[in-house]
Amino acid sequence: MTETRLLERSAKPWKPHKFQKKAIRRLLENAAYLLFASPGAGKTSTTLAVFSYLKKRGLANKMLIVAPLRPCYLVWPAEVDKWKDFEHLTYTVLHGNDKEDRLKDDVDLYIINPDGLEWLFGMEPFTKPSGKKGVRLDLSRFMELGIDTLVIDELTAFANTTSQRFAMMQQVTQFFQRIWGLTGSPAANGLMKLYGQVKTVDGGRTFGPYITPFRTRFFRQHAFQKFRWDIKTVEKDGFDGEVEIYRALSPIAMRVDAADYIDMPTMIPLKIEVDLPPKAKLLYKMVEEDMFALIDAPKKKDGHMPITAANAGVALGKCRQIASGAIYPDEGYDVKGFKAAPSSPVTRNYIVVHDAKLDALEERLDELQGQPYLVGYEFQHDLDRILKRFPKTPFFDSDMRASKKIEDQWNRGELPLLLGHPQSIGHGLNMQESSRNVGWFSLTWNYELYDQFIRRVLRQGNKFQKVFVDHYLARGTVDELLYRLMESKASTQNKLFDALKDERRWRSK
């Protein structure tokens, strides 16, 4: 048998908090359950405790854990090894070139990332006579394992009901005696995304077998954008869709926020504002006008014109890049007079527009005097330019072993600057032991990624009373709008476009 081993087995007993004891009871009482637990609330150890209890009493056999790749390697194995209470549990990670061999291991826990499920379930896409896409599964390999419990860590991976991944999961959930879904941000990208997550766990018992009745019950179609749905409100519909969704969920879901039960650091948001140089400001205004022109497109005969999201989104992306300091030159905008960046292994060719944020970052590092500083970025040219200004700065990538080494160095306080993209660092890293400083060189518009990134540091076990979160913002740009959206916890592109419309009206007065 081959186990992934990151830590030596520990003799330390696991002592659950009061809120974890409540979560344990809920999971024991419900074969299908959703645990909406904030980062740092101990959902991994809570789930292991429940399975361990059932396993010892012959009520459970084996558990399949589906999680993002980083938690597959760095979180679940580490939690098993960390506590004496779980020392009897064996595990293997089904990933990499040797996953076929690992599948032969007779273990208690099989840990796999969502992309690996196609291999495990023998998925084969096909086209139905109607022209619709479908999936066929060969479950013979899976059925031989004797797995009866399914845990989906970061359930949002199954929110898209039109995906093959979702369709595949609908065919296999019947073979599990228990299904538990875990996530800290179930509705960060809109309440509509709850349907796919809930159905994956409960088979449609809460919201029904089809999404259309769910959608028409709780949402109203936008008057001019047919693919957009807004939650119903008492003012407009005589029905509070948000409240009713939460009411329907209450029998099968529990919200756990560690901050409600234990002392947690206070987040202190800070703005580090910079001014665009005149030439960069002119370029920004040119691209911004294109963006507003697309949003305020000419009206049709009926008086309205829907937003062309793809085109407006491209222009919005260009505005965000310019605000950050560089732009990819392949979208038809005139960038003559700006400096082309030298070739780099990190990113494709780009044009340097300004260094205002780099200068501000350097000043902030001088102020911190070696205190560990975790900095997030949105664009690959951000990473490239930061690395050129601060050579040999470590950053997270897909190498799990290297990530573990970086995480350990960070928690020992050995790294004054560490870089990470929110999609690569948002889950599975505990980085609270040495730092109280987080920075956003360029902001994401996705609140779930924003929140998860910060909570690598802002979590249980941080010794500091305050965690400072810096936001590098270019004045008079979309940076300021994104900051306000994060303050209001808004995250969807529709809300972003709505805010842009309001910004346009305000500026025109």
Protein backbone atom coordinates (compact mmCIF):
# COMPACT_ATOMS: atom_id res chain seq x y z
CA MET A 1 0.00 0.00 0.00
CA THR A 2 1.25 3.49 -0.87
CA GLU A 3 0.23 6.48 1.21
CA THR A 4 0.90 10.14 0.53
CA ARG A 5 2.77 11.23 3.66
CA LEU A 6 3.49 14.89 4.40
CA LEU A 7 3.68 14.68 8.19
CA GLU A 8 4.66 12.09 10.75
CA ARG A 9 1.78 10.59 12.68
CA SER A 10 0.97 12.71 15.72
CA ALA A 11 0.06 11.70 19.26
CA LYS A 12 -1.94 14.91 19.76
CA PRO A 13 -5.64 14.30 20.54
CA TRP A 14 -8.30 16.14 18.57
CA LYS A 15 -10.48 18.36 20.75
CA PRO A 16 -13.48 19.76 18.86
CA HIS A 17 -14.88 23.20 19.52
CA LYS A 18 -18.50 23.55 20.54
CA PHE A 19 -19.55 24.48 17.00
CA GLN A 20 -17.73 21.44 15.63
CA LYS A 21 -19.64 19.19 18.04
CA LYS A 22 -22.88 20.62 16.68
CA ALA A 23 -21.72 19.98 13.11
CA ILE A 24 -20.79 16.40 14.03
CA ARG A 25 -24.31 15.77 15.32
CA ARG A 26 -25.84 17.15 12.13
CA LEU A 27 -23.67 14.98 9.89
CA LEU A 28 -24.39 11.88 11.96
CA GLU A 29 -28.12 12.54 11.77
CA ASN A 30 -28.30 13.27 8.04
CA ALA A 31 -27.24 11.03 5.17
CA ALA A 32 -27.34 14.07 2.84
CA TYR A 33 -26.07 17.29 4.36
CA LEU A 34 -24.41 20.60 3.51
CA LEU A 35 -21.83 22.14 5.80
CA PHE A 36 -21.28 25.79 4.92
CA ALA A 37 -18.16 26.33 7.02
CA SER A 38 -15.92 29.37 6.84
CA PRO A 39 -12.20 28.81 6.24
CA GLY A 40 -10.54 27.93 9.51
CA ALA A 41 -13.70 26.41 11.01
CA GLY A 42 -12.25 22.90 10.91
CA LYS A 43 -14.62 21.28 8.42
CA THR A 44 -11.94 18.76 7.38
CA SER A 45 -11.30 17.39 10.88
CA THR A 46 -15.03 17.51 11.67
CA THR A 47 -15.80 15.31 8.67
CA LEU A 48 -12.99 12.91 9.53
CA ALA A 49 -14.30 12.63 13.09
CA VAL A 50 -17.77 11.67 11.85
CA PHE A 51 -16.45 9.08 9.41
CA SER A 52 -14.09 7.68 12.03
CA TYR A 53 -17.00 7.27 14.46
CA LEU A 54 -19.10 5.46 11.85
CA LYS A 55 -16.17 3.35 10.68
CA LYS A 56 -15.36 2.07 14.17
CA ARG A 57 -18.98 1.00 14.65
CA GLY A 58 -19.25 -0.77 11.32
CA LEU A 59 -21.68 1.80 9.95
CA ALA A 60 -19.38 3.04 7.17
CA ASN A 61 -16.79 1.30 5.02
CA LYS A 62 -14.78 3.68 2.84
CA MET A 63 -14.97 7.34 1.93
CA LEU A 64 -14.33 9.11 -1.37
CA ILE A 65 -13.14 12.70 -0.86
CA VAL A 66 -13.44 15.02 -3.85
CA ALA A 67 -11.45 18.23 -3.35
CA PRO A 68 -9.37 20.79 -5.26
CA LEU A 69 -5.90 19.48 -6.03
CA ARG A 70 -4.08 21.43 -3.34
CA PRO A 71 -6.34 20.22 -0.48
CA CYS A 72 -6.00 16.70 -1.91
CA TYR A 73 -2.29 16.80 -1.21
CA LEU A 74 -1.89 19.34 1.57
CA VAL A 75 -5.06 19.38 3.70
CA TRP A 76 -6.79 16.03 3.98
CA PRO A 77 -3.61 13.92 4.43
CA ALA A 78 -2.22 16.49 6.87
CA GLU A 79 -5.38 16.41 9.01
CA VAL A 80 -5.32 12.62 9.18
CA ASP A 81 -1.67 12.65 10.24
CA LYS A 82 -2.08 15.56 12.64
CA TRP A 83 -4.41 13.96 15.18
CA LYS A 84 -4.14 10.74 17.20
CA ASP A 85 -7.90 10.23 16.86
CA PHE A 86 -7.49 9.50 13.15
CA GLU A 87 -4.35 7.36 13.30
CA HIS A 88 -6.31 4.24 12.32
CA LEU A 89 -7.42 5.81 9.03
CA THR A 90 -5.43 5.04 5.88
CA TYR A 91 -5.58 7.05 2.68
CA THR A 92 -4.27 7.48 -0.83
CA VAL A 93 -4.37 10.35 -3.31
CA LEU A 94 -5.65 9.34 -6.75
CA HIS A 95 -3.67 11.71 -8.91
CA GLY A 96 -0.63 11.57 -11.12
CA ASN A 97 0.94 8.86 -13.25
CA ASP A 98 0.65 6.20 -10.58
CA LYS A 99 -3.06 6.63 -9.82
CA GLU A 100 -3.89 3.25 -11.38
CA ASP A 101 -1.56 1.59 -8.88
CA ARG A 102 -2.92 3.67 -6.03
CA LEU A 103 -6.44 2.55 -6.89
CA LYS A 104 -5.39 -0.97 -5.84
CA ASP A 105 -4.60 0.23 -2.31
CA ASP A 106 -7.02 -1.11 0.29
CA VAL A 107 -7.48 2.14 2.23
CA ASP A 108 -10.23 3.94 4.12
CA LEU A 109 -10.01 7.27 2.28
CA TYR A 110 -9.63 7.78 -1.47
CA ILE A 111 -8.80 11.42 -2.20
CA ILE A 112 -9.29 12.79 -5.72
CA ASN A 113 -9.75 16.13 -7.45
CA PRO A 114 -12.90 16.80 -9.54
CA ASP A 115 -11.06 16.40 -12.85
CA GLY A 116 -10.04 12.90 -11.83
CA LEU A 117 -13.64 11.72 -11.52
CA GLU A 118 -13.91 11.23 -15.27
CA TRP A 119 -11.16 8.62 -15.03
CA LEU A 120 -12.54 7.01 -11.86
CA PHE A 121 -16.09 6.71 -13.22
CA GLY A 122 -15.02 5.80 -16.76
CA MET A 123 -16.86 8.75 -18.28
CA GLU A 124 -17.36 8.87 -22.04
CA PRO A 125 -19.16 11.83 -23.68
CA PHE A 126 -21.63 11.12 -26.49
CA THR A 127 -24.24 12.93 -28.56
CA LYS A 128 -27.88 11.93 -28.16
CA PRO A 129 -30.19 11.53 -31.21
CA SER A 130 -31.71 14.88 -30.22
CA GLY A 131 -28.29 16.50 -30.66
CA LYS A 132 -27.82 17.11 -26.94
CA LYS A 133 -24.64 16.06 -25.20
CA GLY A 134 -24.65 13.19 -22.73
CA VAL A 135 -22.22 11.04 -20.74
CA ARG A 136 -21.86 7.28 -20.37
CA LEU A 137 -20.13 5.78 -17.35
CA ASP A 138 -18.28 2.55 -16.72
CA LEU A 139 -18.56 2.14 -12.96
CA SER A 140 -17.07 -1.34 -12.68
CA ARG A 141 -13.74 -0.03 -11.35
CA PHE A 142 -15.45 2.23 -8.84
CA MET A 143 -17.91 -0.38 -7.58
CA GLU A 144 -15.08 -2.78 -6.69
CA LEU A 145 -13.71 -0.33 -4.12
CA GLY A 146 -16.62 -0.63 -1.72
CA ILE A 147 -16.96 3.11 -1.14
CA ASP A 148 -20.18 4.07 0.62
CA THR A 149 -19.52 7.66 1.75
CA LEU A 150 -18.92 10.70 -0.46
CA VAL A 151 -17.50 14.02 0.71
CA ILE A 152 -17.29 16.91 -1.72
CA ASP A 153 -14.94 19.56 -0.41
CA GLU A 154 -15.58 22.91 -2.15
CA LEU A 155 -18.99 21.96 -3.47
CA THR A 156 -19.07 24.96 -5.81
CA ALA A 157 -17.19 22.80 -8.35
CA PHE A 158 -20.59 21.22 -9.09
CA ALA A 159 -22.63 24.42 -9.34
CA ASN A 160 -22.81 24.43 -13.16
CA THR A 161 -25.82 22.30 -14.06
CA THR A 162 -24.94 22.29 -17.77
CA SER A 163 -21.50 20.74 -17.27
CA GLN A 164 -20.55 17.14 -17.99
CA ARG A 165 -19.16 16.96 -14.47
CA PHE A 166 -22.60 17.70 -13.02
CA ALA A 167 -24.30 15.23 -15.37
CA MET A 168 -21.80 12.55 -14.43
CA MET A 169 -22.35 13.07 -10.72
CA GLN A 170 -26.11 12.71 -11.10
CA GLN A 171 -25.55 9.13 -12.27
CA VAL A 172 -23.35 8.06 -9.36
CA THR A 173 -24.79 9.64 -6.22
CA GLN A 174 -27.29 6.80 -5.87
CA PHE A 175 -24.43 4.41 -5.03
CA PHE A 176 -23.47 6.27 -1.85
CA GLN A 177 -25.15 5.81 1.51
CA ARG A 178 -24.01 9.24 2.67
CA ILE A 179 -23.15 12.43 0.80
CA TRP A 180 -21.80 15.49 2.57
CA GLY A 181 -21.05 18.75 0.77
CA LEU A 182 -18.57 21.24 2.22
CA THR A 183 -17.92 24.82 1.19
CA GLY A 184 -17.26 28.18 2.77
CA SER A 185 -18.84 30.27 -0.02
CA PRO A 186 -21.89 28.48 -1.48
CA ALA A 187 -23.49 31.59 -2.96
CA ALA A 188 -20.55 33.92 -3.55
CA ASN A 189 -21.33 33.95 -7.27
CA GLY A 190 -25.10 34.21 -6.93
CA LEU A 191 -27.94 32.26 -5.32
CA MET A 192 -28.75 30.61 -8.65
CA LYS A 193 -25.54 28.62 -8.23
CA LEU A 194 -27.00 26.89 -5.17
CA TYR A 195 -29.26 24.60 -7.21
CA GLY A 196 -26.54 22.43 -8.73
CA GLN A 197 -24.69 22.14 -5.42
CA VAL A 198 -27.77 21.15 -3.46
CA LYS A 199 -29.01 18.65 -6.05
CA THR A 200 -25.59 16.99 -6.15
CA VAL A 201 -25.96 16.25 -2.44
CA ASP A 202 -29.68 15.56 -2.02
CA GLY A 203 -30.70 14.34 -5.48
CA GLY A 204 -33.28 17.10 -5.94
CA ARG A 205 -35.33 16.59 -2.79
CA THR A 206 -35.00 20.20 -1.61
CA PHE A 207 -35.37 22.22 -4.82
CA GLY A 208 -36.81 19.61 -7.17
CA PRO A 209 -35.34 17.49 -9.98
CA TYR A 210 -35.13 20.32 -12.55
CA ILE A 211 -33.65 23.79 -12.42
CA THR A 212 -36.40 25.57 -14.37
CA PRO A 213 -39.06 25.35 -11.60
CA PHE A 214 -36.42 26.41 -9.08
CA ARG A 215 -35.52 29.39 -11.24
CA THR A 216 -39.09 30.54 -11.82
CA ARG A 217 -40.03 30.09 -8.18
CA PHE A 218 -37.25 32.17 -6.65
CA PHE A 219 -36.05 34.43 -9.51
CA ARG A 220 -37.44 36.84 -12.07
CA GLN A 221 -36.13 37.09 -15.62
CA HIS A 222 -34.49 40.40 -16.45
CA ALA A 223 -36.64 42.59 -18.67
CA PHE A 224 -34.02 43.14 -21.39
CA GLN A 225 -31.34 40.49 -20.81
CA LYS A 226 -32.98 37.13 -21.32
CA PHE A 227 -30.08 35.14 -19.85
CA ARG A 228 -30.09 37.12 -16.64
CA TRP A 229 -32.22 36.29 -13.62
CA ASP A 230 -32.60 38.45 -10.50
CA ILE A 231 -33.73 37.19 -7.12
CA LYS A 232 -37.38 38.00 -6.35
CA THR A 233 -38.05 40.68 -3.76
CA VAL A 234 -41.02 41.65 -1.63
CA GLU A 235 -41.06 45.12 -3.19
CA LYS A 236 -41.32 43.92 -6.78
CA ASP A 237 -42.81 40.44 -6.48
CA GLY A 238 -44.45 40.19 -3.06
CA PHE A 239 -42.06 37.31 -2.39
CA ASP A 240 -38.62 37.28 -0.79
CA GLY A 241 -36.70 34.74 -2.86
CA GLU A 242 -33.55 34.91 -0.76
CA VAL A 243 -35.34 34.26 2.53
CA GLU A 244 -37.36 31.41 1.04
CA ILE A 245 -34.25 29.74 -0.39
CA TYR A 246 -32.59 29.81 3.03
CA ARG A 247 -35.77 28.51 4.65
CA ALA A 248 -35.92 25.59 2.23
CA LEU A 249 -32.26 24.80 2.92
CA SER A 250 -32.46 24.92 6.72
CA PRO A 251 -33.29 21.19 7.26
CA ILE A 252 -30.23 20.00 5.31
CA ALA A 253 -27.65 22.75 5.77
CA MET A 254 -25.68 24.34 8.58
CA ARG A 255 -23.66 27.52 8.54
CA VAL A 256 -20.50 27.42 10.66
CA ASP A 257 -18.44 30.58 11.12
CA ALA A 258 -15.54 30.19 13.50
CA ALA A 259 -15.67 33.92 14.23
CA ASP A 260 -19.01 33.40 16.00
CA TYR A 261 -17.45 31.06 18.55
CA ILE A 262 -13.76 31.76 18.96
CA ASP A 263 -11.52 34.81 18.96
CA MET A 264 -10.51 35.66 15.41
CA PRO A 265 -8.36 38.53 14.12
CA THR A 266 -10.16 41.62 12.89
CA MET A 267 -9.73 42.42 9.21
CA ILE A 268 -8.59 45.99 8.58
CA PRO A 269 -8.98 46.96 4.87
CA LEU A 270 -6.57 49.62 3.64
CA LYS A 271 -6.38 51.53 0.36
CA ILE A 272 -3.02 52.27 -1.22
CA GLU A 273 -3.91 54.70 -4.00
CA VAL A 274 -1.72 55.57 -6.98
CA ASP A 275 -2.12 57.98 -9.89
CA LEU A 276 -1.76 56.92 -13.49
CA PRO A 277 0.92 58.84 -15.41
CA PRO A 278 -0.60 61.19 -18.04
CA LYS A 279 0.15 58.93 -21.02
CA ALA A 280 -1.28 55.88 -19.27
CA LYS A 281 -4.35 57.90 -18.28
CA LEU A 282 -5.00 58.82 -21.92
CA LEU A 283 -4.79 55.17 -22.95
CA TYR A 284 -7.12 54.20 -20.13
CA LYS A 285 -9.71 56.81 -21.14
CA MET A 286 -9.66 55.55 -24.74
CA VAL A 287 -10.36 51.97 -23.70
CA GLU A 288 -12.87 53.08 -21.08
CA GLU A 289 -14.89 54.94 -23.70
CA ASP A 290 -15.05 51.75 -25.76
CA MET A 291 -16.31 49.90 -22.72
CA PHE A 292 -18.97 52.47 -21.92
CA ALA A 293 -19.98 52.59 -25.57
CA LEU A 294 -20.63 48.85 -25.50
CA ILE A 295 -22.57 49.09 -22.25
CA ASP A 296 -24.58 52.09 -23.48
CA ALA A 297 -25.10 50.51 -26.91
CA PRO A 298 -27.49 52.17 -29.39
CA LYS A 299 -31.13 51.49 -28.61
CA LYS A 300 -33.29 49.21 -30.70
CA LYS A 301 -36.76 50.17 -31.88
CA ASP A 302 -38.23 48.87 -28.63
CA GLY A 303 -36.00 51.32 -26.79
CA HIS A 304 -33.52 48.89 -25.35
CA MET A 305 -30.32 47.12 -26.28
CA PRO A 306 -28.84 44.29 -24.18
CA ILE A 307 -25.23 44.47 -23.10
CA THR A 308 -22.85 42.49 -25.28
CA ALA A 309 -21.14 40.91 -22.33
CA ALA A 310 -18.26 39.36 -24.25
CA ASN A 311 -17.21 42.62 -25.88
CA ALA A 312 -17.83 44.79 -22.84
CA GLY A 313 -16.03 42.19 -20.75
CA VAL A 314 -12.98 42.35 -23.01
CA ALA A 315 -12.87 46.14 -22.74
CA LEU A 316 -13.37 45.92 -18.98
CA GLY A 317 -10.47 43.47 -18.78
CA LYS A 318 -8.27 45.92 -20.69
CA CYS A 319 -9.18 48.72 -18.29
CA ARG A 320 -8.25 46.52 -15.35
CA GLN A 321 -4.92 45.62 -16.95
CA ILE A 322 -4.01 49.24 -17.67
CA ALA A 323 -4.89 50.20 -14.10
CA SER A 324 -2.54 47.45 -12.95
CA GLY A 325 0.34 48.61 -15.15
CA ALA A 326 0.47 46.58 -18.38
CA ILE A 327 -1.69 45.39 -21.27
CA TYR A 328 -1.64 42.48 -23.67
CA PRO A 329 -1.43 44.17 -27.12
CA ASP A 330 -3.55 41.78 -29.18
CA GLU A 331 -7.00 43.33 -28.82
CA GLY A 332 -6.80 46.10 -31.38
CA TYR A 333 -5.88 49.02 -29.14
CA ASP A 334 -3.14 51.45 -30.13
CA VAL A 335 -0.30 51.10 -27.63
CA LYS A 336 2.41 52.82 -29.63
CA GLY A 337 4.79 54.83 -27.49
CA PHE A 338 4.76 52.33 -24.63
CA LYS A 339 7.57 49.96 -23.74
CA ALA A 340 7.31 46.32 -24.79
CA ALA A 341 8.33 43.86 -22.09
CA PRO A 342 11.19 41.47 -22.81
CA SER A 343 10.25 37.85 -23.40
CA SER A 344 9.41 35.90 -20.26
CA PRO A 345 8.69 32.27 -19.31
CA VAL A 346 5.87 33.50 -17.06
CA THR A 347 3.58 35.15 -19.60
CA ARG A 348 3.10 36.05 -23.24
CA ASN A 349 4.21 39.39 -24.70
CA TYR A 350 2.78 42.48 -23.07
CA ILE A 351 3.24 46.25 -23.08
CA VAL A 352 4.33 48.06 -19.92
CA VAL A 353 2.02 51.04 -19.29
CA HIS A 354 3.24 52.31 -15.91
CA ASP A 355 5.07 51.26 -12.75
CA ALA A 356 2.99 53.18 -10.21
CA LYS A 357 1.79 50.08 -8.37
CA LEU A 358 5.23 48.52 -8.39
CA ASP A 359 6.63 51.66 -6.79
CA ALA A 360 3.86 51.60 -4.18
CA LEU A 361 4.54 47.93 -3.45
CA GLU A 362 8.23 48.66 -2.95
CA GLU A 363 7.39 51.46 -0.51
CA ARG A 364 5.04 49.16 1.39
CA LEU A 365 7.73 46.48 1.69
CA ASP A 366 10.11 49.08 3.10
CA GLU A 367 7.49 49.96 5.71
CA LEU A 368 6.96 46.33 6.69
CA GLN A 369 10.70 45.80 7.30
CA GLY A 370 10.67 42.08 6.59
CA GLN A 371 7.25 41.21 8.04
CA PRO A 372 5.76 38.43 5.87
CA TYR A 373 3.55 39.89 3.16
CA LEU A 374 1.20 37.76 1.04
CA VAL A 375 0.34 39.53 -2.23
CA GLY A 376 -2.32 38.47 -4.72
CA TYR A 377 -2.39 39.33 -8.40
CA GLU A 378 -4.89 38.88 -11.23
CA PHE A 379 -2.81 38.95 -14.43
CA GLN A 380 0.25 36.97 -15.39
CA HIS A 381 2.02 40.16 -16.44
CA ASP A 382 1.54 41.34 -12.83
CA LEU A 383 3.51 38.34 -11.65
CA ASP A 384 6.18 38.85 -14.29
CA ARG A 385 6.71 42.52 -13.46
CA ILE A 386 6.77 41.92 -9.69
CA LEU A 387 9.35 39.16 -10.14
CA LYS A 388 11.51 41.46 -12.26
CA ARG A 389 11.34 44.15 -9.57
CA PHE A 390 11.88 41.64 -6.72
CA PRO A 391 13.89 38.70 -8.13
CA LYS A 392 13.78 35.27 -6.48
CA THR A 393 10.45 36.01 -4.80
CA PRO A 394 8.63 32.68 -4.33
CA PHE A 395 5.15 32.15 -5.78
CA PHE A 396 2.67 29.31 -5.72
CA ASP A 397 2.18 27.12 -8.76
CA SER A 398 0.89 23.58 -9.36
CA ASP A 399 3.84 21.77 -7.72
CA MET A 400 2.32 20.37 -4.51
CA ARG A 401 5.60 19.42 -2.87
CA ALA A 402 7.07 22.85 -3.57
CA SER A 403 3.89 24.44 -2.23
CA LYS A 404 4.21 22.57 1.03
CA LYS A 405 7.82 23.74 1.38
CA ILE A 406 6.78 27.36 0.69
CA GLU A 407 3.91 27.09 3.18
CA ASP A 408 6.28 25.85 5.90
CA GLN A 409 8.82 28.61 5.16
CA TRP A 410 6.05 31.18 5.30
CA ASN A 411 4.70 29.94 8.64
CA ARG A 412 8.22 30.10 10.08
CA GLY A 413 8.38 33.76 9.06
CA GLU A 414 11.19 33.27 6.55
CA LEU A 415 9.54 34.91 3.50
CA PRO A 416 9.17 38.70 3.48
CA LEU A 417 7.20 38.56 0.20
CA LEU A 418 5.11 35.74 -1.23
CA LEU A 419 2.99 35.89 -4.38
CA GLY A 420 -0.12 33.93 -5.26
CA HIS A 421 -2.97 33.97 -7.75
CA PRO A 422 -6.38 33.66 -6.03
CA GLN A 423 -7.24 30.61 -8.14
CA SER A 424 -4.08 28.78 -7.07
CA ILE A 425 -4.00 29.79 -3.43
CA GLY A 426 -7.69 30.09 -2.56
CA HIS A 427 -8.04 26.64 -0.98
CA GLY A 428 -5.97 24.26 1.07
CA LEU A 429 -3.27 26.45 2.61
CA ASN A 430 -2.95 27.38 6.29
CA MET A 431 -0.82 30.51 6.41
CA GLN A 432 -1.89 32.13 9.67
CA GLU A 433 1.13 31.41 11.84
CA SER A 434 3.50 34.25 10.94
CA SER A 435 1.68 37.10 9.24
CA ARG A 436 -0.89 39.83 9.58
CA ASN A 437 -0.36 41.42 6.16
CA VAL A 438 -2.14 40.66 2.89
CA GLY A 439 -2.06 42.76 -0.28
CA TRP A 440 -3.99 42.87 -3.55
CA PHE A 441 -1.76 44.17 -6.34
CA SER A 442 -4.71 43.80 -8.73
CA LEU A 443 -8.21 42.87 -7.61
CA THR A 444 -10.34 39.98 -8.77
CA TRP A 445 -14.06 40.60 -9.37
CA ASN A 446 -14.94 37.22 -7.84
CA TYR A 447 -15.80 37.66 -4.17
CA GLU A 448 -15.40 33.96 -3.38
CA LEU A 449 -11.77 34.02 -4.58
CA TYR A 450 -11.20 37.34 -2.84
CA ASP A 451 -12.49 36.04 0.48
CA GLN A 452 -10.78 32.65 0.28
CA PHE A 453 -7.42 34.27 -0.50
CA ILE A 454 -7.55 36.58 2.52
CA ARG A 455 -8.64 33.72 4.78
CA ARG A 456 -5.41 31.88 4.20
CA VAL A 457 -4.11 34.35 6.81
CA LEU A 458 -7.32 35.58 8.49
CA ARG A 459 -8.18 32.36 10.28
CA GLN A 460 -8.16 30.46 13.55
CA GLY A 461 -4.67 30.22 15.02
CA ASN A 462 -3.42 33.63 13.91
CA LYS A 463 -1.67 35.18 16.92
CA PHE A 464 -2.28 38.74 15.79
CA GLN A 465 -5.39 40.71 16.78
CA LYS A 466 -5.60 42.43 13.40
CA VAL A 467 -4.96 41.39 9.81
CA PHE A 468 -4.29 44.27 7.43
CA VAL A 469 -5.48 43.85 3.83
CA ASP A 470 -3.95 46.35 1.39
CA HIS A 471 -5.69 47.18 -1.89
CA TYR A 472 -3.51 48.83 -4.55
CA LEU A 473 -5.93 51.08 -6.43
CA ALA A 474 -5.35 53.37 -9.42
CA ARG A 475 -7.42 56.49 -8.88
CA GLY A 476 -10.20 57.21 -11.36
CA THR A 477 -10.21 53.64 -12.70
CA VAL A 478 -12.24 50.47 -12.42
CA ASP A 479 -10.02 49.53 -9.45
CA GLU A 480 -12.14 51.79 -7.24
CA LEU A 481 -15.34 50.17 -8.48
CA LEU A 482 -14.01 46.66 -7.83
CA TYR A 483 -13.03 47.68 -4.31
CA ARG A 484 -16.57 48.89 -3.61
CA LEU A 485 -17.98 45.66 -4.99
CA MET A 486 -15.78 43.62 -2.67
CA GLU A 487 -16.92 45.77 0.24
CA SER A 488 -20.53 44.95 -0.63
CA LYS A 489 -19.69 41.25 -1.29
CA ALA A 490 -20.96 41.52 -4.86
CA SER A 491 -19.26 39.23 -7.31
CA THR A 492 -21.16 38.47 -10.47
CA GLN A 493 -20.40 40.05 -13.81
CA ASN A 494 -24.00 41.33 -14.00
CA LYS A 495 -23.50 43.31 -10.80
CA LEU A 496 -20.27 44.62 -12.21
CA PHE A 497 -22.02 45.85 -15.35
CA ASP A 498 -24.81 47.40 -13.25
CA ALA A 499 -22.21 49.26 -11.21
CA LEU A 500 -20.51 50.44 -14.40
CA LYS A 501 -23.81 51.80 -15.67
CA ASP A 502 -24.28 53.71 -12.43
CA GLU A 503 -20.72 55.01 -12.70
CA ARG A 504 -21.40 56.18 -16.25
CA ARG A 505 -24.57 58.03 -15.21
CA TRP A 506 -22.77 59.64 -12.28
CA ARG A 507 -19.90 60.87 -14.45
CA SER A 508 -22.23 62.27 -17.10
CA LYS A 509 -23.92 64.64 -14.62
